[in-house]
Amino acid sequence: MTVTLAATLLLSVLIGLSLGLLGGGGSILTVPILTYVAGLSSREAIAASLFVVGATSAVSAVGHARRGRVKWRTGLLFGAAGMAGAFAGGLLGGHIPGTVLMVAFALMMIATSAAMIRGRKSGAAAPSTQELPVGKVIGEGLIVGLVTGLVGAGGGFLVVPALALLGGLSMPVAVGTSLVVIAMKSFAGLAGYLTTVSLDWTLVGGVTAAAMVGSLLGARLVGRIPEAALRRGFGFFVLVMGIFVLAMELL
């Protein structure tokens, strides 16, 4: 095993840890790892990220579901809308210059980090039996899905607050449900990218396996680590990563 491959697999555990703990953030780590450590092109890294994050989210969702932290009706509705947007984004992304995609990804990282550092008002969760505003859920699902497919970002940090607000879910349930949504959208985006991109499935499989180990650990740690401190700390890390990616692409 080469040093590069070993470093890629070790860092991939963090991808799953983020997904299992926070319900998002996997692609924020996956794309830079695959681009700057594993040496993939921008399009390959984004396409591979969609598979890694999708498969890891699906596995992590199982752990959350066993603990009653998945709202299936809400997740499937949001996810179905997101799949349509993600497939369109994947088709579009295959025809956009790699530098443009990476700059867009870096800007999304910086915006995501700002939202994480700032935090949000928790508020009281609405009853989970309330009627879903279907039109709004579908609209937001399409938009988040388009972003997912275009730049390989699963949109977990967009999905979690949307589920908490629109679906009336508590934060632990919103995290679990977001993983179902992310898995659905990621595979749809991957389908779009595979029309123009080929992947090294051996590498992708290894990264996915390492990320799955991290996701199972993350799911077990939910509730044991203060969410606010964890989210802010990860937010600062994402900010630094976003600035790094932006500098690498523009300088």
C-alpha atoms as a PDB file:
ATOM      1  CA  MET A   1       0.000   0.000   0.000  1.00  0.00           C
ATOM      2  CA  THR A   2       1.457   3.348  -1.031  1.00  0.00           C
ATOM      3  CA  VAL A   3       1.681   6.293   1.344  1.00  0.00           C
ATOM      4  CA  THR A   4      -0.796   8.215  -0.829  1.00  0.00           C
ATOM      5  CA  LEU A   5      -3.376   5.413  -0.717  1.00  0.00           C
ATOM      6  CA  ALA A   6      -2.895   4.928   3.040  1.00  0.00           C
ATOM      7  CA  ALA A   7      -3.386   8.663   3.658  1.00  0.00           C
ATOM      8  CA  THR A   8      -6.487   8.682   1.433  1.00  0.00           C
ATOM      9  CA  LEU A   9      -8.075   5.763   3.305  1.00  0.00           C
ATOM     10  CA  LEU A  10      -7.217   7.178   6.736  1.00  0.00           C
ATOM     11  CA  LEU A  11      -8.705  10.555   5.878  1.00  0.00           C
ATOM     12  CA  SER A  12     -11.763   8.810   4.429  1.00  0.00           C
ATOM     13  CA  VAL A  13     -12.744   7.641   7.917  1.00  0.00           C
ATOM     14  CA  LEU A  14     -13.406  11.322   8.702  1.00  0.00           C
ATOM     15  CA  ILE A  15     -15.923  11.448   5.833  1.00  0.00           C
ATOM     16  CA  GLY A  16     -18.104   8.829   7.482  1.00  0.00           C
ATOM     17  CA  LEU A  17     -17.568  10.249  10.952  1.00  0.00           C
ATOM     18  CA  SER A  18     -18.967  13.573   9.769  1.00  0.00           C
ATOM     19  CA  LEU A  19     -21.974  11.946   8.117  1.00  0.00           C
ATOM     20  CA  GLY A  20     -22.751   9.751  11.114  1.00  0.00           C
ATOM     21  CA  LEU A  21     -22.419  12.564  13.643  1.00  0.00           C
ATOM     22  CA  LEU A  22     -23.848  15.544  11.763  1.00  0.00           C
ATOM     23  CA  GLY A  23     -25.945  14.103   8.937  1.00  0.00           C
ATOM     24  CA  GLY A  24     -23.813  15.982   6.418  1.00  0.00           C
ATOM     25  CA  GLY A  25     -20.364  17.224   5.577  1.00  0.00           C
ATOM     26  CA  GLY A  26     -19.169  14.072   3.837  1.00  0.00           C
ATOM     27  CA  SER A  27     -18.656  15.645   0.425  1.00  0.00           C
ATOM     28  CA  ILE A  28     -17.002  18.690   1.988  1.00  0.00           C
ATOM     29  CA  LEU A  29     -14.168  16.311   2.871  1.00  0.00           C
ATOM     30  CA  THR A  30     -14.437  13.761   0.060  1.00  0.00           C
ATOM     31  CA  VAL A  31     -13.852  16.026  -2.935  1.00  0.00           C
ATOM     32  CA  PRO A  32     -10.661  17.694  -1.566  1.00  0.00           C
ATOM     33  CA  ILE A  33      -9.303  14.328  -0.365  1.00  0.00           C
ATOM     34  CA  LEU A  34      -9.839  12.681  -3.747  1.00  0.00           C
ATOM     35  CA  THR A  35      -8.523  15.710  -5.647  1.00  0.00           C
ATOM     36  CA  TYR A  36      -5.458  16.752  -3.653  1.00  0.00           C
ATOM     37  CA  VAL A  37      -4.490  13.492  -1.897  1.00  0.00           C
ATOM     38  CA  ALA A  38      -5.604  10.734  -4.282  1.00  0.00           C
ATOM     39  CA  GLY A  39      -4.848  12.857  -7.369  1.00  0.00           C
ATOM     40  CA  LEU A  40      -8.141  12.486  -9.238  1.00  0.00           C
ATOM     41  CA  SER A  41      -9.360  15.121 -11.687  1.00  0.00           C
ATOM     42  CA  SER A  42     -12.097  17.491 -10.535  1.00  0.00           C
ATOM     43  CA  ARG A  43     -14.862  15.645 -12.381  1.00  0.00           C
ATOM     44  CA  GLU A  44     -13.631  12.224 -11.229  1.00  0.00           C
ATOM     45  CA  ALA A  45     -13.418  13.426  -7.629  1.00  0.00           C
ATOM     46  CA  ILE A  46     -16.934  14.861  -7.709  1.00  0.00           C
ATOM     47  CA  ALA A  47     -18.401  11.734  -9.322  1.00  0.00           C
ATOM     48  CA  ALA A  48     -16.551   9.446  -6.894  1.00  0.00           C
ATOM     49  CA  SER A  49     -17.673  11.639  -4.007  1.00  0.00           C
ATOM     50  CA  LEU A  50     -21.293  11.084  -4.975  1.00  0.00           C
ATOM     51  CA  PHE A  51     -20.847   7.307  -4.733  1.00  0.00           C
ATOM     52  CA  VAL A  52     -18.834   7.407  -1.500  1.00  0.00           C
ATOM     53  CA  VAL A  53     -21.225   9.784   0.237  1.00  0.00           C
ATOM     54  CA  GLY A  54     -24.310   7.996  -1.112  1.00  0.00           C
ATOM     55  CA  ALA A  55     -23.198   4.532  -0.001  1.00  0.00           C
ATOM     56  CA  THR A  56     -21.894   5.757   3.353  1.00  0.00           C
ATOM     57  CA  SER A  57     -25.089   7.707   4.038  1.00  0.00           C
ATOM     58  CA  ALA A  58     -27.182   4.624   3.276  1.00  0.00           C
ATOM     59  CA  VAL A  59     -25.210   2.499   5.739  1.00  0.00           C
ATOM     60  CA  SER A  60     -25.268   5.192   8.412  1.00  0.00           C
ATOM     61  CA  ALA A  61     -29.028   5.662   7.904  1.00  0.00           C
ATOM     62  CA  VAL A  62     -29.556   2.019   8.877  1.00  0.00           C
ATOM     63  CA  GLY A  63     -27.939   2.643  12.250  1.00  0.00           C
ATOM     64  CA  HIS A  64     -30.089   5.717  12.824  1.00  0.00           C
ATOM     65  CA  ALA A  65     -33.246   3.878  11.699  1.00  0.00           C
ATOM     66  CA  ARG A  66     -32.653   1.116  14.255  1.00  0.00           C
ATOM     67  CA  ARG A  67     -32.644   3.810  16.915  1.00  0.00           C
ATOM     68  CA  GLY A  68     -35.890   5.340  15.603  1.00  0.00           C
ATOM     69  CA  ARG A  69     -34.217   8.417  14.143  1.00  0.00           C
ATOM     70  CA  VAL A  70     -35.543   8.229  10.556  1.00  0.00           C
ATOM     71  CA  LYS A  71     -38.847   9.734   9.372  1.00  0.00           C
ATOM     72  CA  TRP A  72     -39.361   7.709   6.216  1.00  0.00           C
ATOM     73  CA  ARG A  73     -42.285   9.566   4.627  1.00  0.00           C
ATOM     74  CA  THR A  74     -40.572  12.951   4.896  1.00  0.00           C
ATOM     75  CA  GLY A  75     -37.193  11.614   3.802  1.00  0.00           C
ATOM     76  CA  LEU A  76     -38.526   9.761   0.755  1.00  0.00           C
ATOM     77  CA  LEU A  77     -40.553  12.778  -0.406  1.00  0.00           C
ATOM     78  CA  PHE A  78     -37.637  15.178  -0.074  1.00  0.00           C
ATOM     79  CA  GLY A  79     -35.252  12.606  -1.529  1.00  0.00           C
ATOM     80  CA  ALA A  80     -37.406  11.861  -4.576  1.00  0.00           C
ATOM     81  CA  ALA A  81     -37.509  15.559  -5.478  1.00  0.00           C
ATOM     82  CA  GLY A  82     -33.779  15.818  -4.852  1.00  0.00           C
ATOM     83  CA  MET A  83     -33.046  12.891  -7.181  1.00  0.00           C
ATOM     84  CA  ALA A  84     -34.520  14.726 -10.156  1.00  0.00           C
ATOM     85  CA  GLY A  85     -32.434  17.833  -9.439  1.00  0.00           C
ATOM     86  CA  ALA A  86     -29.312  15.764  -8.750  1.00  0.00           C
ATOM     87  CA  PHE A  87     -29.523  13.831 -12.021  1.00  0.00           C
ATOM     88  CA  ALA A  88     -29.868  17.109 -13.942  1.00  0.00           C
ATOM     89  CA  GLY A  89     -26.923  18.570 -12.010  1.00  0.00           C
ATOM     90  CA  GLY A  90     -24.795  15.512 -12.753  1.00  0.00           C
ATOM     91  CA  LEU A  91     -25.521  15.789 -16.474  1.00  0.00           C
ATOM     92  CA  LEU A  92     -24.687  19.496 -16.438  1.00  0.00           C
ATOM     93  CA  GLY A  93     -21.536  19.096 -14.336  1.00  0.00           C
ATOM     94  CA  GLY A  94     -20.007  16.718 -16.856  1.00  0.00           C
ATOM     95  CA  HIS A  95     -19.788  19.586 -19.357  1.00  0.00           C
ATOM     96  CA  ILE A  96     -18.452  22.356 -17.077  1.00  0.00           C
ATOM     97  CA  PRO A  97     -14.684  23.049 -16.775  1.00  0.00           C
ATOM     98  CA  GLY A  98     -13.110  21.400 -13.729  1.00  0.00           C
ATOM     99  CA  THR A  99     -11.733  24.666 -12.337  1.00  0.00           C
ATOM    100  CA  VAL A 100     -15.195  26.251 -12.426  1.00  0.00           C
ATOM    101  CA  LEU A 101     -16.636  23.247 -10.546  1.00  0.00           C
ATOM    102  CA  MET A 102     -13.919  23.373  -7.878  1.00  0.00           C
ATOM    103  CA  VAL A 103     -14.290  27.139  -7.372  1.00  0.00           C
ATOM    104  CA  ALA A 104     -18.049  26.659  -6.984  1.00  0.00           C
ATOM    105  CA  PHE A 105     -17.370  23.843  -4.538  1.00  0.00           C
ATOM    106  CA  ALA A 106     -14.960  25.999  -2.515  1.00  0.00           C
ATOM    107  CA  LEU A 107     -17.503  28.824  -2.312  1.00  0.00           C
ATOM    108  CA  MET A 108     -20.095  26.332  -1.078  1.00  0.00           C
ATOM    109  CA  MET A 109     -17.643  25.120   1.567  1.00  0.00           C
ATOM    110  CA  ILE A 110     -17.139  28.691   2.809  1.00  0.00           C
ATOM    111  CA  ALA A 111     -20.895  29.367   2.860  1.00  0.00           C
ATOM    112  CA  THR A 112     -21.505  26.078   4.683  1.00  0.00           C
ATOM    113  CA  SER A 113     -18.814  26.842   7.256  1.00  0.00           C
ATOM    114  CA  ALA A 114     -20.379  30.239   7.975  1.00  0.00           C
ATOM    115  CA  ALA A 115     -23.747  28.612   8.623  1.00  0.00           C
ATOM    116  CA  MET A 116     -22.149  25.992  10.889  1.00  0.00           C
ATOM    117  CA  ILE A 117     -20.135  28.508  12.906  1.00  0.00           C
ATOM    118  CA  ARG A 118     -23.108  30.851  13.269  1.00  0.00           C
ATOM    119  CA  GLY A 119     -25.410  28.022  14.290  1.00  0.00           C
ATOM    120  CA  ARG A 120     -29.167  28.238  14.345  1.00  0.00           C
ATOM    121  CA  LYS A 121     -31.930  28.621  16.854  1.00  0.00           C
ATOM    122  CA  SER A 122     -33.016  25.190  17.948  1.00  0.00           C
ATOM    123  CA  GLY A 123     -36.565  26.085  18.843  1.00  0.00           C
ATOM    124  CA  ALA A 124     -39.204  23.559  19.738  1.00  0.00           C
ATOM    125  CA  ALA A 125     -39.792  20.937  17.121  1.00  0.00           C
ATOM    126  CA  ALA A 126     -43.284  20.939  15.682  1.00  0.00           C
ATOM    127  CA  PRO A 127     -45.338  17.777  16.119  1.00  0.00           C
ATOM    128  CA  SER A 128     -44.125  15.127  13.710  1.00  0.00           C
ATOM    129  CA  THR A 129     -47.713  14.367  12.691  1.00  0.00           C
ATOM    130  CA  GLN A 130     -48.294  17.804  11.118  1.00  0.00           C
ATOM    131  CA  GLU A 131     -49.193  18.095   7.413  1.00  0.00           C
ATOM    132  CA  LEU A 132     -46.110  18.519   5.269  1.00  0.00           C
ATOM    133  CA  PRO A 133     -46.024  21.560   2.967  1.00  0.00           C
ATOM    134  CA  VAL A 134     -45.500  19.271  -0.011  1.00  0.00           C
ATOM    135  CA  GLY A 135     -44.877  21.996  -2.609  1.00  0.00           C
ATOM    136  CA  LYS A 136     -42.189  23.659  -0.519  1.00  0.00           C
ATOM    137  CA  VAL A 137     -40.524  20.351   0.317  1.00  0.00           C
ATOM    138  CA  ILE A 138     -40.410  19.387  -3.369  1.00  0.00           C
ATOM    139  CA  GLY A 139     -39.094  22.828  -4.373  1.00  0.00           C
ATOM    140  CA  GLU A 140     -36.298  22.775  -1.825  1.00  0.00           C
ATOM    141  CA  GLY A 141     -35.552  19.161  -2.681  1.00  0.00           C
ATOM    142  CA  LEU A 142     -35.069  20.057  -6.355  1.00  0.00           C
ATOM    143  CA  ILE A 143     -32.739  22.961  -5.543  1.00  0.00           C
ATOM    144  CA  VAL A 144     -30.619  21.019  -3.049  1.00  0.00           C
ATOM    145  CA  GLY A 145     -30.557  18.078  -5.474  1.00  0.00           C
ATOM    146  CA  LEU A 146     -29.262  20.281  -8.286  1.00  0.00           C
ATOM    147  CA  VAL A 147     -26.405  21.463  -6.056  1.00  0.00           C
ATOM    148  CA  THR A 148     -25.671  17.849  -5.082  1.00  0.00           C
ATOM    149  CA  GLY A 149     -25.379  16.674  -8.657  1.00  0.00           C
ATOM    150  CA  LEU A 150     -23.463  19.694  -9.915  1.00  0.00           C
ATOM    151  CA  VAL A 151     -20.607  19.956  -7.403  1.00  0.00           C
ATOM    152  CA  GLY A 152     -20.825  16.649  -5.547  1.00  0.00           C
ATOM    153  CA  ALA A 153     -22.065  18.227  -2.324  1.00  0.00           C
ATOM    154  CA  GLY A 154     -24.637  16.024  -0.624  1.00  0.00           C
ATOM    155  CA  GLY A 155     -26.319  19.048   0.887  1.00  0.00           C
ATOM    156  CA  GLY A 156     -26.634  17.592   4.378  1.00  0.00           C
ATOM    157  CA  PHE A 157     -26.187  20.977   6.030  1.00  0.00           C
ATOM    158  CA  LEU A 158     -29.008  22.273   3.836  1.00  0.00           C
ATOM    159  CA  VAL A 159     -31.218  19.200   4.302  1.00  0.00           C
ATOM    160  CA  VAL A 160     -30.997  18.923   8.089  1.00  0.00           C
ATOM    161  CA  PRO A 161     -32.405  22.379   8.918  1.00  0.00           C
ATOM    162  CA  ALA A 162     -34.979  22.030   6.130  1.00  0.00           C
ATOM    163  CA  LEU A 163     -36.224  18.772   7.599  1.00  0.00           C
ATOM    164  CA  ALA A 164     -36.311  20.237  11.093  1.00  0.00           C
ATOM    165  CA  LEU A 165     -38.332  23.224   9.892  1.00  0.00           C
ATOM    166  CA  LEU A 166     -40.577  21.750   7.195  1.00  0.00           C
ATOM    167  CA  GLY A 167     -41.049  18.263   8.575  1.00  0.00           C
ATOM    168  CA  GLY A 168     -41.230  19.228  12.251  1.00  0.00           C
ATOM    169  CA  LEU A 169     -38.454  16.809  13.145  1.00  0.00           C
ATOM    170  CA  SER A 170     -36.206  16.934  16.193  1.00  0.00           C
ATOM    171  CA  MET A 171     -32.515  17.380  15.449  1.00  0.00           C
ATOM    172  CA  PRO A 172     -31.530  13.693  15.988  1.00  0.00           C
ATOM    173  CA  VAL A 173     -34.371  12.566  13.693  1.00  0.00           C
ATOM    174  CA  ALA A 174     -33.530  15.275  11.133  1.00  0.00           C
ATOM    175  CA  VAL A 175     -29.927  14.005  11.066  1.00  0.00           C
ATOM    176  CA  GLY A 176     -31.032  10.401  10.536  1.00  0.00           C
ATOM    177  CA  THR A 177     -33.606  11.327   7.898  1.00  0.00           C
ATOM    178  CA  SER A 178     -31.136  13.541   6.032  1.00  0.00           C
ATOM    179  CA  LEU A 179     -28.940  10.495   5.425  1.00  0.00           C
ATOM    180  CA  VAL A 180     -31.763   8.818   3.500  1.00  0.00           C
ATOM    181  CA  VAL A 181     -32.180  11.982   1.416  1.00  0.00           C
ATOM    182  CA  ILE A 182     -28.438  12.313   0.776  1.00  0.00           C
ATOM    183  CA  ALA A 183     -28.137   8.680  -0.334  1.00  0.00           C
ATOM    184  CA  MET A 184     -30.991   9.055  -2.829  1.00  0.00           C
ATOM    185  CA  LYS A 185     -29.691  12.336  -4.260  1.00  0.00           C
ATOM    186  CA  SER A 186     -26.078  11.202  -4.435  1.00  0.00           C
ATOM    187  CA  PHE A 187     -26.830   8.102  -6.509  1.00  0.00           C
ATOM    188  CA  ALA A 188     -29.009  10.127  -8.869  1.00  0.00           C
ATOM    189  CA  GLY A 189     -26.222  12.678  -9.336  1.00  0.00           C
ATOM    190  CA  LEU A 190     -23.721   9.861  -9.894  1.00  0.00           C
ATOM    191  CA  ALA A 191     -25.918   8.445 -12.661  1.00  0.00           C
ATOM    192  CA  GLY A 192     -25.746  11.807 -14.419  1.00  0.00           C
ATOM    193  CA  TYR A 193     -21.955  12.059 -14.092  1.00  0.00           C
ATOM    194  CA  LEU A 194     -21.324   8.491 -15.317  1.00  0.00           C
ATOM    195  CA  THR A 195     -22.553   9.528 -18.749  1.00  0.00           C
ATOM    196  CA  THR A 196     -19.285  11.478 -19.182  1.00  0.00           C
ATOM    197  CA  VAL A 197     -16.857  10.241 -16.460  1.00  0.00           C
ATOM    198  CA  SER A 198     -15.117   6.888 -15.769  1.00  0.00           C
ATOM    199  CA  LEU A 199     -14.031   5.920 -12.253  1.00  0.00           C
ATOM    200  CA  ASP A 200     -11.344   3.763 -10.634  1.00  0.00           C
ATOM    201  CA  TRP A 201     -13.768   1.531  -8.747  1.00  0.00           C
ATOM    202  CA  THR A 202     -11.018  -0.146  -6.707  1.00  0.00           C
ATOM    203  CA  LEU A 203     -10.025   3.195  -5.207  1.00  0.00           C
ATOM    204  CA  VAL A 204     -13.643   4.285  -4.837  1.00  0.00           C
ATOM    205  CA  GLY A 205     -14.482   1.013  -3.081  1.00  0.00           C
ATOM    206  CA  GLY A 206     -11.610   1.396  -0.610  1.00  0.00           C
ATOM    207  CA  VAL A 207     -12.542   4.981   0.220  1.00  0.00           C
ATOM    208  CA  THR A 208     -16.183   3.956   0.634  1.00  0.00           C
ATOM    209  CA  ALA A 209     -15.307   1.105   3.010  1.00  0.00           C
ATOM    210  CA  ALA A 210     -13.162   3.406   5.166  1.00  0.00           C
ATOM    211  CA  ALA A 211     -15.909   6.032   5.220  1.00  0.00           C
ATOM    212  CA  MET A 212     -18.470   3.412   6.270  1.00  0.00           C
ATOM    213  CA  VAL A 213     -16.340   2.517   9.295  1.00  0.00           C
ATOM    214  CA  GLY A 214     -16.342   6.180  10.278  1.00  0.00           C
ATOM    215  CA  SER A 215     -20.103   6.495   9.741  1.00  0.00           C
ATOM    216  CA  LEU A 216     -20.897   3.603  12.080  1.00  0.00           C
ATOM    217  CA  LEU A 217     -18.660   5.158  14.738  1.00  0.00           C
ATOM    218  CA  GLY A 218     -20.303   8.554  14.195  1.00  0.00           C
ATOM    219  CA  ALA A 219     -23.820   7.124  14.570  1.00  0.00           C
ATOM    220  CA  ARG A 220     -22.833   5.609  17.927  1.00  0.00           C
ATOM    221  CA  LEU A 221     -21.407   8.939  19.127  1.00  0.00           C
ATOM    222  CA  VAL A 222     -24.569  10.962  18.408  1.00  0.00           C
ATOM    223  CA  GLY A 223     -25.747  12.516  21.656  1.00  0.00           C
ATOM    224  CA  ARG A 224     -22.452  11.909  23.462  1.00  0.00           C
ATOM    225  CA  ILE A 225     -20.683  14.975  22.072  1.00  0.00           C
ATOM    226  CA  PRO A 226     -22.199  18.483  22.487  1.00  0.00           C
ATOM    227  CA  GLU A 227     -23.652  19.305  19.069  1.00  0.00           C
ATOM    228  CA  ALA A 228     -22.953  23.053  19.234  1.00  0.00           C
ATOM    229  CA  ALA A 229     -19.255  22.612  20.021  1.00  0.00           C
ATOM    230  CA  LEU A 230     -18.860  19.872  17.427  1.00  0.00           C
ATOM    231  CA  ARG A 231     -20.598  21.861  14.707  1.00  0.00           C
ATOM    232  CA  ARG A 232     -18.607  25.044  15.378  1.00  0.00           C
ATOM    233  CA  GLY A 233     -15.302  23.180  15.448  1.00  0.00           C
ATOM    234  CA  PHE A 234     -16.078  21.389  12.210  1.00  0.00           C
ATOM    235  CA  GLY A 235     -17.280  24.699  10.756  1.00  0.00           C
ATOM    236  CA  PHE A 236     -13.886  26.322  11.287  1.00  0.00           C
ATOM    237  CA  PHE A 237     -12.211  23.275   9.739  1.00  0.00           C
ATOM    238  CA  VAL A 238     -14.471  23.505   6.676  1.00  0.00           C
ATOM    239  CA  LEU A 239     -13.697  27.238   6.389  1.00  0.00           C
ATOM    240  CA  VAL A 240      -9.963  26.555   6.279  1.00  0.00           C
ATOM    241  CA  MET A 241     -10.500  23.770   3.719  1.00  0.00           C
ATOM    242  CA  GLY A 242     -12.669  26.029   1.558  1.00  0.00           C
ATOM    243  CA  ILE A 243     -10.043  28.779   1.523  1.00  0.00           C
ATOM    244  CA  PHE A 244      -7.367  26.181   0.703  1.00  0.00           C
ATOM    245  CA  VAL A 245      -9.329  24.775  -2.261  1.00  0.00           C
ATOM    246  CA  LEU A 246     -10.086  28.290  -3.546  1.00  0.00           C
ATOM    247  CA  ALA A 247      -6.398  29.241  -3.323  1.00  0.00           C
ATOM    248  CA  MET A 248      -5.310  26.038  -5.082  1.00  0.00           C
ATOM    249  CA  GLU A 249      -7.655  26.706  -7.993  1.00  0.00           C
ATOM    250  CA  LEU A 250      -7.125  30.449  -8.403  1.00  0.00           C
ATOM    251  CA  LEU A 251      -3.434  30.971  -7.584  1.00  0.00           C
END
